[in-house]
Amino acid sequence: MAELAPRIWQVIDDAPVLTAVTHKDADGDTLGSALALALALEPIGKSVPVLSSPPVPGAWWFLPGIERVNRSAPPAHTPVFIFDASDPSRAGAYESVVRQAPVVVNVDHHVSNTRFATINLVSTEAASTGELVYDLLKAWKLQIPAGAASCLYATILSDTGGFRHDNTSAHALRAAAELVQLGADPVMIARGLFKSRPASSLRMQGRILQGLHYEFDDRLVWGSISQAALRDSGATTDQADSAIDQLNTVRGQELAILFKEAGPNLTKVSIRSRDQVDAAELAGKFGGGGHYRAAGIELALPLREAEATVLAEVRARMNDLE
């Protein structure tokens, strides 16, 4: 941070317009990071359009500034900041914006990050990418407005699972406390994150829980949700993302896996591990990535084929652990 913060500031200082890009299938960390940068830089005269590959999940309605996402067309020839993305393809519809930018600043905390940018601020020790944005703003001695503080608090709260995941660190807790002092609204953010799910989300989770599979004495728990089941419950694919947290609550479990049918030949896979399996390394076998205990995959396969392909590898690994 001490080395890179001045270099990144020079990029900002030299440009009146900067573009902030999230990863596709945006979550609270990538959106909160991009919005926080925009909200913190605009008071010093910078214009920061925020781009996120459509559709932007409605679950993040409570983030300050969310209405500005994709409000304007991508500006040409501006420096680009991309958040929480391990490679340029994660920008989705805005991949070309990233690849064609004169300068790219890559801010991320995934172990699978490919260091693809002009400047790479990548720290796997950070609980969230937003924590790195917080550190940057502090290093630049910029005032953090209340809206930016709320966005950054949301990144930490969401990526630590409400301070329940193993990545919850003393630094993350101190940052969260300071962000509250700066105006973040922990009640509003907790309500938006944990207490504002549509009824369709619960119906969809019920379908997943009814069909769970337990193997290796409950150390492997996996389930799936089809497009037909999503339609029946009135839910969307992005609403299924949080269901993996329910699978990850079984005592003694080592791996939780959720397969989500995103199309006839596209399946998204969420992986959570406890101690013995590196989720990021497992996901990497199929072109995915993430963290040691949380990772994801996109497979160009129908749902049942994706299940068979991934579970063959998973079961082999579980056998090796016995």
C-alpha atoms as a PDB file:
ATOM      1  CA  MET A   1       0.000   0.000   0.000  1.00  0.00           C
ATOM      2  CA  ALA A   2       2.797   2.458   0.892  1.00  0.00           C
ATOM      3  CA  GLU A   3       4.371   1.939  -2.534  1.00  0.00           C
ATOM      4  CA  LEU A   4       1.248   1.776  -4.676  1.00  0.00           C
ATOM      5  CA  ALA A   5      -0.973   4.443  -3.112  1.00  0.00           C
ATOM      6  CA  PRO A   6       1.153   7.346  -4.472  1.00  0.00           C
ATOM      7  CA  ARG A   7       1.285   5.747  -7.937  1.00  0.00           C
ATOM      8  CA  ILE A   8      -2.479   5.301  -7.995  1.00  0.00           C
ATOM      9  CA  TRP A   9      -2.986   8.849  -6.757  1.00  0.00           C
ATOM     10  CA  GLN A  10      -0.892  10.130  -9.673  1.00  0.00           C
ATOM     11  CA  VAL A  11      -3.317   8.397 -12.057  1.00  0.00           C
ATOM     12  CA  ILE A  12      -6.204  10.194 -10.357  1.00  0.00           C
ATOM     13  CA  ASP A  13      -4.434  13.532 -10.170  1.00  0.00           C
ATOM     14  CA  ASP A  14      -3.677  13.509 -13.908  1.00  0.00           C
ATOM     15  CA  ALA A  15      -7.242  12.706 -15.073  1.00  0.00           C
ATOM     16  CA  PRO A  16     -10.442  14.759 -14.719  1.00  0.00           C
ATOM     17  CA  VAL A  17     -12.538  11.672 -15.557  1.00  0.00           C
ATOM     18  CA  LEU A  18     -11.999   8.149 -14.263  1.00  0.00           C
ATOM     19  CA  THR A  19     -14.109   5.064 -14.942  1.00  0.00           C
ATOM     20  CA  ALA A  20     -14.991   2.594 -12.164  1.00  0.00           C
ATOM     21  CA  VAL A  21     -15.893  -0.925 -13.366  1.00  0.00           C
ATOM     22  CA  THR A  22     -17.369  -3.783 -11.326  1.00  0.00           C
ATOM     23  CA  HIS A  23     -17.250  -7.466 -12.104  1.00  0.00           C
ATOM     24  CA  LYS A  24     -20.240  -9.107 -13.788  1.00  0.00           C
ATOM     25  CA  ASP A  25     -22.921 -10.645 -11.569  1.00  0.00           C
ATOM     26  CA  ALA A  26     -22.063  -7.782  -9.253  1.00  0.00           C
ATOM     27  CA  ASP A  27     -22.066  -8.265  -5.493  1.00  0.00           C
ATOM     28  CA  GLY A  28     -21.794  -5.855  -2.596  1.00  0.00           C
ATOM     29  CA  ASP A  29     -18.005  -5.806  -2.554  1.00  0.00           C
ATOM     30  CA  THR A  30     -17.482  -4.807  -6.176  1.00  0.00           C
ATOM     31  CA  LEU A  31     -20.414  -2.346  -6.238  1.00  0.00           C
ATOM     32  CA  GLY A  32     -19.590  -0.844  -2.858  1.00  0.00           C
ATOM     33  CA  SER A  33     -15.940  -0.376  -3.816  1.00  0.00           C
ATOM     34  CA  ALA A  34     -16.739   1.335  -7.126  1.00  0.00           C
ATOM     35  CA  LEU A  35     -19.403   3.590  -5.639  1.00  0.00           C
ATOM     36  CA  ALA A  36     -17.225   4.521  -2.670  1.00  0.00           C
ATOM     37  CA  LEU A  37     -14.396   5.633  -4.942  1.00  0.00           C
ATOM     38  CA  ALA A  38     -16.810   7.734  -7.010  1.00  0.00           C
ATOM     39  CA  LEU A  39     -18.432   9.319  -3.964  1.00  0.00           C
ATOM     40  CA  ALA A  40     -15.068  10.090  -2.360  1.00  0.00           C
ATOM     41  CA  LEU A  41     -13.449  11.595  -5.468  1.00  0.00           C
ATOM     42  CA  GLU A  42     -16.296  13.745  -6.749  1.00  0.00           C
ATOM     43  CA  PRO A  43     -15.984  16.330  -3.934  1.00  0.00           C
ATOM     44  CA  ILE A  44     -12.459  17.079  -5.192  1.00  0.00           C
ATOM     45  CA  GLY A  45     -13.709  17.664  -8.731  1.00  0.00           C
ATOM     46  CA  LYS A  46     -13.347  14.258 -10.336  1.00  0.00           C
ATOM     47  CA  SER A  47     -16.025  12.680 -12.516  1.00  0.00           C
ATOM     48  CA  VAL A  48     -16.311   8.918 -11.931  1.00  0.00           C
ATOM     49  CA  PRO A  49     -18.916   7.029 -14.003  1.00  0.00           C
ATOM     50  CA  VAL A  50     -19.650   3.584 -12.553  1.00  0.00           C
ATOM     51  CA  LEU A  51     -20.184   0.689 -14.973  1.00  0.00           C
ATOM     52  CA  SER A  52     -21.519  -2.760 -14.109  1.00  0.00           C
ATOM     53  CA  SER A  53     -22.344  -5.515 -16.591  1.00  0.00           C
ATOM     54  CA  PRO A  54     -26.162  -5.741 -16.795  1.00  0.00           C
ATOM     55  CA  PRO A  55     -28.293  -6.738 -15.127  1.00  0.00           C
ATOM     56  CA  VAL A  56     -27.255  -5.117 -11.860  1.00  0.00           C
ATOM     57  CA  PRO A  57     -28.742  -7.272  -9.067  1.00  0.00           C
ATOM     58  CA  GLY A  58     -31.573  -5.496  -7.321  1.00  0.00           C
ATOM     59  CA  ALA A  59     -30.458  -6.910  -3.961  1.00  0.00           C
ATOM     60  CA  TRP A  60     -28.057  -3.975  -3.567  1.00  0.00           C
ATOM     61  CA  TRP A  61     -30.720  -1.260  -3.754  1.00  0.00           C
ATOM     62  CA  PHE A  62     -29.648   0.144  -0.377  1.00  0.00           C
ATOM     63  CA  LEU A  63     -26.109   1.161  -1.406  1.00  0.00           C
ATOM     64  CA  PRO A  64     -25.770   4.957  -1.576  1.00  0.00           C
ATOM     65  CA  GLY A  65     -25.302   6.023  -5.183  1.00  0.00           C
ATOM     66  CA  ILE A  66     -26.614   2.768  -6.691  1.00  0.00           C
ATOM     67  CA  GLU A  67     -28.861   4.784  -9.031  1.00  0.00           C
ATOM     68  CA  ARG A  68     -25.787   6.165 -10.802  1.00  0.00           C
ATOM     69  CA  VAL A  69     -24.601   2.737 -12.026  1.00  0.00           C
ATOM     70  CA  ASN A  70     -24.662   2.616 -15.849  1.00  0.00           C
ATOM     71  CA  ARG A  71     -26.255   6.066 -15.887  1.00  0.00           C
ATOM     72  CA  SER A  72     -23.921   7.274 -18.635  1.00  0.00           C
ATOM     73  CA  ALA A  73     -22.159   5.679 -21.605  1.00  0.00           C
ATOM     74  CA  PRO A  74     -18.572   4.471 -21.093  1.00  0.00           C
ATOM     75  CA  PRO A  75     -16.253   7.476 -21.574  1.00  0.00           C
ATOM     76  CA  ALA A  76     -13.378   6.933 -24.018  1.00  0.00           C
ATOM     77  CA  HIS A  77      -9.681   7.018 -23.185  1.00  0.00           C
ATOM     78  CA  THR A  78     -10.021   7.410 -19.432  1.00  0.00           C
ATOM     79  CA  PRO A  79      -8.108   5.519 -16.744  1.00  0.00           C
ATOM     80  CA  VAL A  80     -10.127   2.563 -15.497  1.00  0.00           C
ATOM     81  CA  PHE A  81     -10.382   1.222 -11.961  1.00  0.00           C
ATOM     82  CA  ILE A  82     -11.711  -2.340 -11.815  1.00  0.00           C
ATOM     83  CA  PHE A  83     -12.723  -3.830  -8.496  1.00  0.00           C
ATOM     84  CA  ASP A  84     -12.850  -7.386  -7.140  1.00  0.00           C
ATOM     85  CA  ALA A  85     -12.079  -8.953 -10.544  1.00  0.00           C
ATOM     86  CA  SER A  86      -9.401 -11.587 -11.059  1.00  0.00           C
ATOM     87  CA  ASP A  87      -9.051 -10.945 -14.821  1.00  0.00           C
ATOM     88  CA  PRO A  88     -10.471  -8.571 -17.475  1.00  0.00           C
ATOM     89  CA  SER A  89     -13.122 -11.049 -18.626  1.00  0.00           C
ATOM     90  CA  ARG A  90     -14.837 -10.620 -15.266  1.00  0.00           C
ATOM     91  CA  ALA A  91     -15.930  -7.161 -16.452  1.00  0.00           C
ATOM     92  CA  GLY A  92     -18.492  -8.899 -18.657  1.00  0.00           C
ATOM     93  CA  ALA A  93     -20.127  -6.444 -21.045  1.00  0.00           C
ATOM     94  CA  TYR A  94     -17.435  -3.888 -20.201  1.00  0.00           C
ATOM     95  CA  GLU A  95     -14.403  -6.106 -20.844  1.00  0.00           C
ATOM     96  CA  SER A  96     -13.461  -4.006 -23.892  1.00  0.00           C
ATOM     97  CA  VAL A  97     -13.558  -0.852 -21.747  1.00  0.00           C
ATOM     98  CA  VAL A  98     -10.949  -2.416 -19.479  1.00  0.00           C
ATOM     99  CA  ARG A  99      -8.780  -3.815 -22.255  1.00  0.00           C
ATOM    100  CA  GLN A 100      -8.751  -0.558 -24.249  1.00  0.00           C
ATOM    101  CA  ALA A 101      -8.073   1.799 -21.345  1.00  0.00           C
ATOM    102  CA  PRO A 102      -4.765   3.676 -21.395  1.00  0.00           C
ATOM    103  CA  VAL A 103      -4.238   2.873 -17.703  1.00  0.00           C
ATOM    104  CA  VAL A 104      -5.925   0.170 -15.622  1.00  0.00           C
ATOM    105  CA  VAL A 105      -5.833   0.005 -11.825  1.00  0.00           C
ATOM    106  CA  ASN A 106      -6.766  -3.439 -10.534  1.00  0.00           C
ATOM    107  CA  VAL A 107      -7.948  -3.493  -6.902  1.00  0.00           C
ATOM    108  CA  ASP A 108      -8.716  -6.971  -5.614  1.00  0.00           C
ATOM    109  CA  HIS A 109      -8.263  -9.515  -2.829  1.00  0.00           C
ATOM    110  CA  HIS A 110      -8.641 -12.828  -4.693  1.00  0.00           C
ATOM    111  CA  VAL A 111      -5.760 -15.303  -4.627  1.00  0.00           C
ATOM    112  CA  SER A 112      -6.626 -16.158  -8.250  1.00  0.00           C
ATOM    113  CA  ASN A 113      -6.012 -12.598  -9.500  1.00  0.00           C
ATOM    114  CA  THR A 114      -3.848 -12.614 -12.648  1.00  0.00           C
ATOM    115  CA  ARG A 115      -2.238  -9.176 -12.061  1.00  0.00           C
ATOM    116  CA  PHE A 116      -3.421  -8.064 -15.497  1.00  0.00           C
ATOM    117  CA  ALA A 117      -3.405  -4.291 -15.028  1.00  0.00           C
ATOM    118  CA  THR A 118      -1.016  -1.351 -15.266  1.00  0.00           C
ATOM    119  CA  ILE A 119      -1.099  -1.098 -11.479  1.00  0.00           C
ATOM    120  CA  ASN A 120      -2.153  -4.084  -9.387  1.00  0.00           C
ATOM    121  CA  LEU A 121      -3.213  -3.488  -5.797  1.00  0.00           C
ATOM    122  CA  VAL A 122      -3.961  -7.074  -4.841  1.00  0.00           C
ATOM    123  CA  SER A 123      -3.899  -8.226  -1.221  1.00  0.00           C
ATOM    124  CA  THR A 124      -5.275 -11.624  -0.277  1.00  0.00           C
ATOM    125  CA  GLU A 125      -5.060 -10.593   3.383  1.00  0.00           C
ATOM    126  CA  ALA A 126      -7.896  -8.083   2.953  1.00  0.00           C
ATOM    127  CA  ALA A 127     -11.341  -9.266   3.999  1.00  0.00           C
ATOM    128  CA  SER A 128     -12.884  -7.349   1.097  1.00  0.00           C
ATOM    129  CA  THR A 129     -11.807  -5.251  -1.854  1.00  0.00           C
ATOM    130  CA  GLY A 130     -13.599  -2.373  -0.168  1.00  0.00           C
ATOM    131  CA  GLU A 131     -11.147  -2.667   2.716  1.00  0.00           C
ATOM    132  CA  LEU A 132      -8.362  -1.835   0.221  1.00  0.00           C
ATOM    133  CA  VAL A 133     -10.334   1.154  -1.078  1.00  0.00           C
ATOM    134  CA  TYR A 134     -10.675   2.319   2.533  1.00  0.00           C
ATOM    135  CA  ASP A 135      -6.897   1.985   2.989  1.00  0.00           C
ATOM    136  CA  LEU A 136      -6.291   3.975  -0.204  1.00  0.00           C
ATOM    137  CA  LEU A 137      -8.568   6.818   0.848  1.00  0.00           C
ATOM    138  CA  LYS A 138      -6.836   6.912   4.214  1.00  0.00           C
ATOM    139  CA  ALA A 139      -3.387   6.910   2.586  1.00  0.00           C
ATOM    140  CA  TRP A 140      -4.461   9.835   0.374  1.00  0.00           C
ATOM    141  CA  LYS A 141      -5.807  11.663   3.439  1.00  0.00           C
ATOM    142  CA  LEU A 142      -9.124  12.184   1.669  1.00  0.00           C
ATOM    143  CA  GLN A 143     -12.310  12.830   3.578  1.00  0.00           C
ATOM    144  CA  ILE A 144     -14.620   9.822   3.347  1.00  0.00           C
ATOM    145  CA  PRO A 145     -18.216  11.101   2.905  1.00  0.00           C
ATOM    146  CA  ALA A 146     -21.016   9.326   4.747  1.00  0.00           C
ATOM    147  CA  GLY A 147     -22.302   7.695   1.537  1.00  0.00           C
ATOM    148  CA  ALA A 148     -18.854   6.314   0.700  1.00  0.00           C
ATOM    149  CA  ALA A 149     -18.480   5.112   4.298  1.00  0.00           C
ATOM    150  CA  SER A 150     -21.765   3.202   4.021  1.00  0.00           C
ATOM    151  CA  CYS A 151     -20.667   1.597   0.751  1.00  0.00           C
ATOM    152  CA  LEU A 152     -17.338   0.521   2.256  1.00  0.00           C
ATOM    153  CA  TYR A 153     -18.988  -0.774   5.428  1.00  0.00           C
ATOM    154  CA  ALA A 154     -21.300  -2.841   3.210  1.00  0.00           C
ATOM    155  CA  THR A 155     -18.302  -4.403   1.420  1.00  0.00           C
ATOM    156  CA  ILE A 156     -16.813  -5.558   4.699  1.00  0.00           C
ATOM    157  CA  LEU A 157     -20.099  -6.725   6.200  1.00  0.00           C
ATOM    158  CA  SER A 158     -21.068  -8.710   3.092  1.00  0.00           C
ATOM    159  CA  ASP A 159     -17.689 -10.322   2.406  1.00  0.00           C
ATOM    160  CA  THR A 160     -17.228 -11.382   6.038  1.00  0.00           C
ATOM    161  CA  GLY A 161     -20.761 -12.776   6.152  1.00  0.00           C
ATOM    162  CA  GLY A 162     -21.725 -10.378   8.912  1.00  0.00           C
ATOM    163  CA  PHE A 163     -18.335 -10.896  10.616  1.00  0.00           C
ATOM    164  CA  ARG A 164     -18.855 -14.668  10.720  1.00  0.00           C
ATOM    165  CA  HIS A 165     -16.365 -15.864   8.076  1.00  0.00           C
ATOM    166  CA  ASP A 166     -12.756 -16.800   8.713  1.00  0.00           C
ATOM    167  CA  ASN A 167     -11.536 -13.674   6.908  1.00  0.00           C
ATOM    168  CA  THR A 168     -12.835 -11.437   9.712  1.00  0.00           C
ATOM    169  CA  SER A 169      -9.668  -9.692  10.916  1.00  0.00           C
ATOM    170  CA  ALA A 170      -8.789  -7.047  13.463  1.00  0.00           C
ATOM    171  CA  HIS A 171      -8.133  -4.621  10.598  1.00  0.00           C
ATOM    172  CA  ALA A 172     -11.570  -5.297   9.082  1.00  0.00           C
ATOM    173  CA  LEU A 173     -13.263  -4.727  12.434  1.00  0.00           C
ATOM    174  CA  ARG A 174     -11.338  -1.511  13.070  1.00  0.00           C
ATOM    175  CA  ALA A 175     -12.148  -0.268   9.569  1.00  0.00           C
ATOM    176  CA  ALA A 176     -15.841  -1.061  10.070  1.00  0.00           C
ATOM    177  CA  ALA A 177     -15.890   0.815  13.383  1.00  0.00           C
ATOM    178  CA  GLU A 178     -14.244   3.881  11.862  1.00  0.00           C
ATOM    179  CA  LEU A 179     -16.620   3.819   8.893  1.00  0.00           C
ATOM    180  CA  VAL A 180     -19.553   3.930  11.319  1.00  0.00           C
ATOM    181  CA  GLN A 181     -17.938   6.946  12.990  1.00  0.00           C
ATOM    182  CA  LEU A 182     -17.684   8.543   9.541  1.00  0.00           C
ATOM    183  CA  GLY A 183     -21.406   8.153   8.924  1.00  0.00           C
ATOM    184  CA  ALA A 184     -22.016   4.586   7.740  1.00  0.00           C
ATOM    185  CA  ASP A 185     -25.449   3.396   8.832  1.00  0.00           C
ATOM    186  CA  PRO A 186     -24.968  -0.161  10.195  1.00  0.00           C
ATOM    187  CA  VAL A 187     -28.681  -0.636  10.876  1.00  0.00           C
ATOM    188  CA  MET A 188     -29.722   0.287   7.339  1.00  0.00           C
ATOM    189  CA  ILE A 189     -26.956  -1.796   5.776  1.00  0.00           C
ATOM    190  CA  ALA A 190     -27.663  -4.866   7.928  1.00  0.00           C
ATOM    191  CA  ARG A 191     -31.367  -4.539   7.146  1.00  0.00           C
ATOM    192  CA  GLY A 192     -30.682  -4.247   3.427  1.00  0.00           C
ATOM    193  CA  LEU A 193     -28.235  -7.131   3.425  1.00  0.00           C
ATOM    194  CA  PHE A 194     -29.940  -9.622   5.730  1.00  0.00           C
ATOM    195  CA  LYS A 195     -33.568  -8.528   6.257  1.00  0.00           C
ATOM    196  CA  SER A 196     -34.880  -7.411   2.879  1.00  0.00           C
ATOM    197  CA  ARG A 197     -35.126 -10.591   0.848  1.00  0.00           C
ATOM    198  CA  PRO A 198     -38.201 -11.018  -1.326  1.00  0.00           C
ATOM    199  CA  ALA A 199     -40.500 -13.913  -0.480  1.00  0.00           C
ATOM    200  CA  SER A 200     -39.461 -15.551  -3.762  1.00  0.00           C
ATOM    201  CA  SER A 201     -35.932 -15.878  -2.388  1.00  0.00           C
ATOM    202  CA  LEU A 202     -37.166 -17.944   0.551  1.00  0.00           C
ATOM    203  CA  ARG A 203     -39.328 -20.094  -1.719  1.00  0.00           C
ATOM    204  CA  MET A 204     -36.306 -20.704  -3.931  1.00  0.00           C
ATOM    205  CA  GLN A 205     -34.098 -21.588  -0.950  1.00  0.00           C
ATOM    206  CA  GLY A 206     -36.768 -24.014   0.223  1.00  0.00           C
ATOM    207  CA  ARG A 207     -36.545 -25.812  -3.115  1.00  0.00           C
ATOM    208  CA  ILE A 208     -32.773 -26.073  -2.764  1.00  0.00           C
ATOM    209  CA  LEU A 209     -32.884 -27.292   0.837  1.00  0.00           C
ATOM    210  CA  GLN A 210     -35.487 -29.945   0.046  1.00  0.00           C
ATOM    211  CA  GLY A 211     -33.197 -31.462  -2.570  1.00  0.00           C
ATOM    212  CA  LEU A 212     -29.878 -31.401  -0.711  1.00  0.00           C
ATOM    213  CA  HIS A 213     -27.472 -34.325  -0.968  1.00  0.00           C
ATOM    214  CA  TYR A 214     -25.280 -35.406   1.959  1.00  0.00           C
ATOM    215  CA  GLU A 215     -22.209 -37.553   1.328  1.00  0.00           C
ATOM    216  CA  PHE A 216     -19.116 -38.701   3.222  1.00  0.00           C
ATOM    217  CA  ASP A 217     -20.874 -38.606   6.597  1.00  0.00           C
ATOM    218  CA  ASP A 218     -22.228 -35.117   5.884  1.00  0.00           C
ATOM    219  CA  ARG A 219     -18.782 -33.707   5.130  1.00  0.00           C
ATOM    220  CA  LEU A 220     -19.919 -33.004   1.566  1.00  0.00           C
ATOM    221  CA  VAL A 221     -23.231 -31.152   1.156  1.00  0.00           C
ATOM    222  CA  TRP A 222     -24.414 -30.163  -2.282  1.00  0.00           C
ATOM    223  CA  GLY A 223     -27.540 -29.010  -4.016  1.00  0.00           C
ATOM    224  CA  SER A 224     -28.781 -27.409  -7.207  1.00  0.00           C
ATOM    225  CA  ILE A 225     -31.468 -25.156  -8.600  1.00  0.00           C
ATOM    226  CA  SER A 226     -32.804 -25.325 -12.141  1.00  0.00           C
ATOM    227  CA  GLN A 227     -34.278 -22.534 -14.217  1.00  0.00           C
ATOM    228  CA  ALA A 228     -37.663 -24.266 -13.987  1.00  0.00           C
ATOM    229  CA  ALA A 229     -37.479 -24.289 -10.184  1.00  0.00           C
ATOM    230  CA  LEU A 230     -36.431 -20.646 -10.186  1.00  0.00           C
ATOM    231  CA  ARG A 231     -39.431 -19.751 -12.346  1.00  0.00           C
ATOM    232  CA  ASP A 232     -41.787 -21.748 -10.130  1.00  0.00           C
ATOM    233  CA  SER A 233     -40.557 -19.888  -7.057  1.00  0.00           C
ATOM    234  CA  GLY A 234     -40.576 -16.519  -8.811  1.00  0.00           C
ATOM    235  CA  ALA A 235     -36.858 -16.029  -8.156  1.00  0.00           C
ATOM    236  CA  THR A 236     -33.936 -15.046 -10.369  1.00  0.00           C
ATOM    237  CA  THR A 237     -30.512 -16.669 -10.691  1.00  0.00           C
ATOM    238  CA  ASP A 238     -28.776 -13.909  -8.718  1.00  0.00           C
ATOM    239  CA  GLN A 239     -31.132 -14.530  -5.785  1.00  0.00           C
ATOM    240  CA  ALA A 240     -29.688 -18.040  -5.517  1.00  0.00           C
ATOM    241  CA  ASP A 241     -26.230 -16.687  -4.711  1.00  0.00           C
ATOM    242  CA  SER A 242     -26.868 -16.351  -0.979  1.00  0.00           C
ATOM    243  CA  ALA A 243     -28.262 -19.897  -0.672  1.00  0.00           C
ATOM    244  CA  ILE A 244     -24.746 -21.317  -0.425  1.00  0.00           C
ATOM    245  CA  ASP A 245     -24.530 -19.812   3.055  1.00  0.00           C
ATOM    246  CA  GLN A 246     -27.335 -22.117   4.200  1.00  0.00           C
ATOM    247  CA  LEU A 247     -25.470 -25.156   2.887  1.00  0.00           C
ATOM    248  CA  ASN A 248     -22.378 -24.002   4.732  1.00  0.00           C
ATOM    249  CA  THR A 249     -23.918 -24.373   8.196  1.00  0.00           C
ATOM    250  CA  VAL A 250     -23.767 -28.165   8.635  1.00  0.00           C
ATOM    251  CA  ARG A 251     -21.653 -29.275  11.585  1.00  0.00           C
ATOM    252  CA  GLY A 252     -18.553 -31.232  10.553  1.00  0.00           C
ATOM    253  CA  GLN A 253     -18.958 -30.324   6.907  1.00  0.00           C
ATOM    254  CA  GLU A 254     -15.840 -29.824   4.765  1.00  0.00           C
ATOM    255  CA  LEU A 255     -17.353 -28.806   1.419  1.00  0.00           C
ATOM    256  CA  ALA A 256     -20.612 -27.134   0.408  1.00  0.00           C
ATOM    257  CA  ILE A 257     -21.408 -26.826  -3.299  1.00  0.00           C
ATOM    258  CA  LEU A 258     -24.365 -25.203  -5.045  1.00  0.00           C
ATOM    259  CA  PHE A 259     -25.057 -25.635  -8.767  1.00  0.00           C
ATOM    260  CA  LYS A 260     -27.196 -22.929 -10.400  1.00  0.00           C
ATOM    261  CA  GLU A 261     -28.580 -23.368 -13.892  1.00  0.00           C
ATOM    262  CA  ALA A 262     -28.058 -20.018 -15.632  1.00  0.00           C
ATOM    263  CA  GLY A 263     -29.005 -21.209 -19.128  1.00  0.00           C
ATOM    264  CA  PRO A 264     -29.392 -24.344 -21.271  1.00  0.00           C
ATOM    265  CA  ASN A 265     -25.607 -24.705 -21.496  1.00  0.00           C
ATOM    266  CA  LEU A 266     -24.396 -22.566 -18.621  1.00  0.00           C
ATOM    267  CA  THR A 267     -24.070 -23.578 -14.980  1.00  0.00           C
ATOM    268  CA  LYS A 268     -22.688 -21.447 -12.169  1.00  0.00           C
ATOM    269  CA  VAL A 269     -21.118 -23.221  -9.212  1.00  0.00           C
ATOM    270  CA  SER A 270     -20.522 -21.808  -5.727  1.00  0.00           C
ATOM    271  CA  ILE A 271     -18.015 -23.579  -3.456  1.00  0.00           C
ATOM    272  CA  ARG A 272     -17.417 -23.165   0.278  1.00  0.00           C
ATOM    273  CA  SER A 273     -14.813 -25.116   2.256  1.00  0.00           C
ATOM    274  CA  ARG A 274     -13.750 -25.338   5.870  1.00  0.00           C
ATOM    275  CA  ASP A 275     -10.206 -26.560   6.525  1.00  0.00           C
ATOM    276  CA  GLN A 276      -8.814 -29.297   4.298  1.00  0.00           C
ATOM    277  CA  VAL A 277      -9.854 -28.281   0.776  1.00  0.00           C
ATOM    278  CA  ASP A 278      -8.604 -25.179  -1.052  1.00  0.00           C
ATOM    279  CA  ALA A 279     -11.791 -23.887  -2.709  1.00  0.00           C
ATOM    280  CA  ALA A 280      -9.878 -21.577  -5.061  1.00  0.00           C
ATOM    281  CA  GLU A 281      -7.589 -24.365  -6.234  1.00  0.00           C
ATOM    282  CA  LEU A 282     -10.570 -26.670  -6.770  1.00  0.00           C
ATOM    283  CA  ALA A 283     -12.376 -23.987  -8.761  1.00  0.00           C
ATOM    284  CA  GLY A 284      -9.208 -23.369 -10.747  1.00  0.00           C
ATOM    285  CA  LYS A 285      -9.398 -26.908 -12.119  1.00  0.00           C
ATOM    286  CA  PHE A 286     -12.477 -25.744 -14.041  1.00  0.00           C
ATOM    287  CA  GLY A 287     -11.360 -22.239 -14.949  1.00  0.00           C
ATOM    288  CA  GLY A 288     -12.836 -20.587 -11.871  1.00  0.00           C
ATOM    289  CA  GLY A 289     -11.235 -18.892  -8.906  1.00  0.00           C
ATOM    290  CA  GLY A 290     -11.747 -17.098  -5.640  1.00  0.00           C
ATOM    291  CA  HIS A 291     -10.452 -17.556  -2.110  1.00  0.00           C
ATOM    292  CA  TYR A 292      -9.195 -20.489  -0.030  1.00  0.00           C
ATOM    293  CA  ARG A 293     -12.626 -21.022   1.544  1.00  0.00           C
ATOM    294  CA  ALA A 294     -14.956 -19.431  -1.027  1.00  0.00           C
ATOM    295  CA  ALA A 295     -14.770 -19.755  -4.797  1.00  0.00           C
ATOM    296  CA  GLY A 296     -16.881 -19.983  -7.938  1.00  0.00           C
ATOM    297  CA  ILE A 297     -16.977 -21.530 -11.397  1.00  0.00           C
ATOM    298  CA  GLU A 298     -18.865 -20.910 -14.637  1.00  0.00           C
ATOM    299  CA  LEU A 299     -19.182 -23.997 -16.811  1.00  0.00           C
ATOM    300  CA  ALA A 300     -20.472 -24.053 -20.384  1.00  0.00           C
ATOM    301  CA  LEU A 301     -22.395 -27.229 -19.604  1.00  0.00           C
ATOM    302  CA  PRO A 302     -26.007 -28.171 -18.867  1.00  0.00           C
ATOM    303  CA  LEU A 303     -26.818 -28.451 -15.179  1.00  0.00           C
ATOM    304  CA  ARG A 304     -26.642 -32.250 -14.875  1.00  0.00           C
ATOM    305  CA  GLU A 305     -23.389 -32.483 -16.829  1.00  0.00           C
ATOM    306  CA  ALA A 306     -21.863 -29.771 -14.674  1.00  0.00           C
ATOM    307  CA  GLU A 307     -22.891 -31.642 -11.532  1.00  0.00           C
ATOM    308  CA  ALA A 308     -21.321 -34.872 -12.778  1.00  0.00           C
ATOM    309  CA  THR A 309     -18.113 -33.168 -13.904  1.00  0.00           C
ATOM    310  CA  VAL A 310     -17.450 -31.224 -10.718  1.00  0.00           C
ATOM    311  CA  LEU A 311     -18.628 -33.913  -8.311  1.00  0.00           C
ATOM    312  CA  ALA A 312     -16.312 -36.509  -9.859  1.00  0.00           C
ATOM    313  CA  GLU A 313     -13.347 -34.326  -8.917  1.00  0.00           C
ATOM    314  CA  VAL A 314     -14.830 -33.456  -5.526  1.00  0.00           C
ATOM    315  CA  ARG A 315     -15.516 -37.066  -4.574  1.00  0.00           C
ATOM    316  CA  ALA A 316     -11.992 -38.082  -5.537  1.00  0.00           C
ATOM    317  CA  ARG A 317     -10.638 -35.413  -3.228  1.00  0.00           C
ATOM    318  CA  MET A 318     -12.976 -36.363  -0.408  1.00  0.00           C
ATOM    319  CA  ASN A 319     -11.829 -39.988  -0.719  1.00  0.00           C
ATOM    320  CA  ASP A 320      -8.231 -38.811  -0.372  1.00  0.00           C
ATOM    321  CA  LEU A 321      -9.117 -37.041   2.877  1.00  0.00           C
ATOM    322  CA  GLU A 322     -10.455 -40.185   4.547  1.00  0.00           C
END
